[in-house]
Amino acid sequence: MMHLRVERSVLDATSHSWRDIIALAAWAALGDADALSALHRAGQKVDGPAMVVHRYLLAAAAEQAGQSELADSVWRDVAAVTEPTMVVLRRNVVADVFHRSTSDVESAATTLGRSARAVIDMMPFPEDDLCPTRDVVDRLEARGDHASPSRARGDGGVPASRAGASRTPQGARGGWRVVA
C-alpha cells in the first residue's frame, strides 16, 4: 500500500486536490483552526456535485472540532442544495431545536413540533429503531440542551435518550408516548 503524504503547505495553497481537501478535513476535525479555515476557503472554488461532498466534509470537521455554529450552518446548506441523508436530517433537527426561540412560545412550539415530526418520519421509524432518535437527543444534550417533556412537568423525568417509545392504540404512525 502506498502512503501519500500531504504537506502543511496546502493550508496556503490557492488550489487543492481531493487528497488535500481530505487532509484539511482531518486536521480540522482534530481541532486545527488553520486547517478549518483553509478547508472553508477551499470550498469557495468548488461547485456542482463536488460542492456537496466538500460541504459534508466541512460540516463534519467543524462538528468534530466543536465549531457547532459553523457546522449547523453548513449542514443547513447541504440540506438546501441536495436531497438530505438521514445524517443531514438529524443534524438539521438538532440545529433547529438548539436554535429555537427562547422568548417566543409560539415560534418555539412550531420549531419543536416540526422537529418532532421530522424525527418521527425518519427512517428507520422510531418504532423500529430508536438509534436515530437517540442520536438527536444525545447531540442536544451534549450541547447543553437537556429539555424533555417529563422534566418540563417537574417530575424529574428520564432524558429522552434513555427512554423507550411505544405506540398507543391510535395507530402505527401516530400516538406516541415516552415511557421510562
Protein backbone atom coordinates (compact mmCIF):
# COMPACT_ATOMS: atom_id res chain seq x y z
CA MET A 1 0.00 0.00 0.00
CA MET A 2 1.36 3.38 -0.98
CA HIS A 3 1.02 6.18 1.58
CA LEU A 4 0.76 9.67 0.16
CA ARG A 5 1.76 12.48 2.44
CA VAL A 6 0.11 15.88 2.34
CA GLU A 7 2.31 18.75 3.39
CA ARG A 8 1.09 21.57 5.62
CA SER A 9 1.81 23.99 2.77
CA VAL A 10 -1.66 23.15 1.43
CA LEU A 11 -3.01 25.48 4.13
CA ASP A 12 -1.91 28.43 1.99
CA ALA A 13 -2.40 26.91 -1.46
CA THR A 14 -4.77 28.50 -3.97
CA SER A 15 -5.91 25.20 -5.46
CA HIS A 16 -6.43 21.83 -3.84
CA SER A 17 -6.69 18.20 -4.86
CA TRP A 18 -9.22 15.95 -3.16
CA ARG A 19 -6.31 14.44 -1.23
CA ASP A 20 -5.59 17.95 0.10
CA ILE A 21 -9.26 18.51 0.99
CA ILE A 22 -9.40 15.24 2.91
CA ALA A 23 -6.19 16.12 4.78
CA LEU A 24 -7.56 19.57 5.63
CA ALA A 25 -10.80 18.00 6.89
CA ALA A 26 -8.89 15.50 9.04
CA TRP A 27 -6.65 18.19 10.54
CA ALA A 28 -9.66 20.46 11.10
CA ALA A 29 -11.59 17.67 12.83
CA LEU A 30 -8.67 17.33 15.22
CA GLY A 31 -9.06 20.98 16.19
CA ASP A 32 -6.63 22.66 13.80
CA ALA A 33 -8.24 26.10 13.30
CA ASP A 34 -5.92 26.97 10.39
CA ALA A 35 -6.93 23.79 8.57
CA LEU A 36 -10.62 24.51 9.21
CA SER A 37 -10.18 27.99 7.77
CA ALA A 38 -8.30 26.61 4.75
CA LEU A 39 -10.98 23.96 4.24
CA HIS A 40 -13.64 26.65 4.33
CA ARG A 41 -11.71 28.79 1.78
CA ALA A 42 -11.11 25.80 -0.49
CA GLY A 43 -14.85 25.26 -0.75
CA GLN A 44 -15.38 28.67 -2.30
CA LYS A 45 -13.92 27.30 -5.54
CA VAL A 46 -15.94 24.07 -5.59
CA ASP A 47 -19.29 23.74 -7.34
CA GLY A 48 -21.65 21.10 -8.67
CA PRO A 49 -21.81 17.67 -7.04
CA ALA A 50 -18.32 18.09 -5.58
CA MET A 51 -19.64 21.08 -3.58
CA VAL A 52 -21.96 18.78 -1.63
CA VAL A 53 -19.09 16.44 -0.78
CA HIS A 54 -16.94 19.38 0.30
CA ARG A 55 -19.69 20.86 2.47
CA TYR A 56 -20.33 17.47 4.08
CA LEU A 57 -16.62 17.22 4.97
CA LEU A 58 -16.58 20.83 6.22
CA ALA A 59 -19.66 20.31 8.40
CA ALA A 60 -18.35 17.04 9.85
CA ALA A 61 -14.92 18.57 10.54
CA ALA A 62 -16.45 21.66 12.16
CA GLU A 63 -18.68 19.46 14.29
CA GLN A 64 -15.74 17.35 15.47
CA ALA A 65 -13.73 20.48 16.21
CA GLY A 66 -16.52 21.82 18.41
CA GLN A 67 -17.47 24.60 15.97
CA SER A 68 -21.21 23.99 16.28
CA GLU A 69 -22.35 27.28 14.73
CA LEU A 70 -20.33 26.66 11.57
CA ALA A 71 -21.39 23.02 11.46
CA ASP A 72 -25.08 23.93 11.85
CA SER A 73 -24.82 26.48 9.07
CA VAL A 74 -23.10 24.09 6.68
CA TRP A 75 -25.46 21.17 7.46
CA ARG A 76 -28.35 23.51 6.62
CA ASP A 77 -26.61 24.46 3.36
CA VAL A 78 -26.19 20.79 2.46
CA ALA A 79 -29.89 20.14 3.09
CA ALA A 80 -30.81 23.13 0.91
CA VAL A 81 -28.81 22.05 -2.14
CA THR A 82 -29.43 18.31 -2.26
CA GLU A 83 -31.75 15.59 -1.01
CA PRO A 84 -30.55 15.30 2.61
CA THR A 85 -29.34 12.00 4.01
CA MET A 86 -30.53 10.79 7.42
CA VAL A 87 -27.32 12.17 8.93
CA VAL A 88 -28.03 15.61 7.45
CA LEU A 89 -31.67 15.48 8.53
CA ARG A 90 -30.69 14.62 12.11
CA ARG A 91 -28.08 17.40 12.23
CA ASN A 92 -30.68 19.88 10.96
CA VAL A 93 -33.18 18.80 13.61
CA VAL A 94 -30.51 19.31 16.27
CA ALA A 95 -29.67 22.76 14.88
CA ASP A 96 -33.34 23.77 14.65
CA VAL A 97 -34.15 22.66 18.19
CA PHE A 98 -30.98 24.11 19.66
CA HIS A 99 -31.57 27.48 17.98
CA ARG A 100 -35.30 27.63 18.73
CA SER A 101 -36.69 30.83 20.15
CA THR A 102 -36.36 31.23 23.90
CA SER A 103 -38.65 34.24 24.03
CA ASP A 104 -41.49 33.44 21.61
CA VAL A 105 -43.52 30.48 22.83
CA GLU A 106 -45.44 30.07 19.57
CA SER A 107 -42.27 30.10 17.48
CA ALA A 108 -40.57 27.61 19.82
CA ALA A 109 -43.60 25.32 19.73
CA THR A 110 -43.67 25.44 15.92
CA THR A 111 -39.97 24.57 15.74
CA LEU A 112 -40.31 21.73 18.24
CA GLY A 113 -43.41 20.37 16.50
CA ARG A 114 -41.76 20.44 13.07
CA SER A 115 -38.63 18.81 14.52
CA ALA A 116 -40.64 16.11 16.31
CA ARG A 117 -42.46 15.32 13.06
CA ALA A 118 -39.13 15.10 11.22
CA VAL A 119 -37.81 12.62 13.80
CA ILE A 120 -40.99 10.55 13.68
CA ASP A 121 -40.80 10.39 9.88
CA MET A 122 -37.10 9.42 9.76
CA MET A 123 -36.05 6.05 8.51
CA PRO A 124 -35.91 3.76 10.32
CA PHE A 125 -39.12 4.73 12.04
CA PRO A 126 -38.77 5.21 15.80
CA GLU A 127 -40.99 2.21 16.46
CA ASP A 128 -38.49 0.03 14.58
CA ASP A 129 -35.22 1.50 15.84
CA LEU A 130 -34.61 4.32 18.32
CA CYS A 131 -30.98 4.94 17.28
CA PRO A 132 -31.73 7.99 15.08
CA THR A 133 -33.95 9.47 17.79
CA ARG A 134 -31.31 8.84 20.45
CA ASP A 135 -28.69 10.41 18.20
CA VAL A 136 -30.71 13.65 18.02
CA VAL A 137 -31.34 13.72 21.78
CA ASP A 138 -27.75 12.81 22.65
CA ARG A 139 -26.42 15.58 20.39
CA LEU A 140 -28.78 18.11 22.00
CA GLU A 141 -27.77 17.00 25.49
CA ALA A 142 -24.08 17.19 24.54
CA ARG A 143 -24.68 20.83 23.58
CA GLY A 144 -26.33 21.54 26.93
CA ASP A 145 -29.98 21.30 25.84
CA HIS A 146 -31.49 18.94 28.39
CA ALA A 147 -35.18 19.66 27.82
CA SER A 148 -37.56 16.73 27.88
CA PRO A 149 -41.33 16.62 28.36
CA SER A 150 -41.13 14.84 31.71
CA ARG A 151 -38.60 17.35 33.06
CA ALA A 152 -40.79 20.24 31.93
CA ARG A 153 -43.62 18.80 34.05
CA GLY A 154 -41.27 18.85 37.03
CA ASP A 155 -41.48 15.14 37.80
CA GLY A 156 -37.74 14.59 37.48
CA GLY A 157 -38.15 12.66 34.19
CA VAL A 158 -35.76 10.49 32.33
CA PRO A 159 -33.77 12.03 29.49
CA ALA A 160 -35.47 11.10 26.22
CA SER A 161 -32.26 9.45 25.03
CA ARG A 162 -32.58 6.93 27.86
CA ALA A 163 -36.29 6.32 27.46
CA GLY A 164 -38.18 3.98 25.19
CA ALA A 165 -41.09 4.73 22.90
CA SER A 166 -44.23 2.72 22.46
CA ARG A 167 -47.30 3.01 20.25
CA THR A 168 -50.64 3.87 21.68
CA PRO A 169 -53.85 2.47 20.17
CA GLN A 170 -54.16 5.41 17.71
CA GLY A 171 -52.15 3.57 15.05
CA ALA A 172 -48.69 2.74 13.80
CA ARG A 173 -47.64 6.26 12.75
CA GLY A 174 -49.27 8.36 15.44
CA GLY A 175 -49.98 8.47 19.14
CA TRP A 176 -46.51 8.19 20.67
CA ARG A 177 -45.71 8.34 24.32
CA VAL A 178 -42.40 8.24 26.12
CA VAL A 179 -42.00 5.57 28.76
CA ALA A 180 -39.16 5.26 31.22
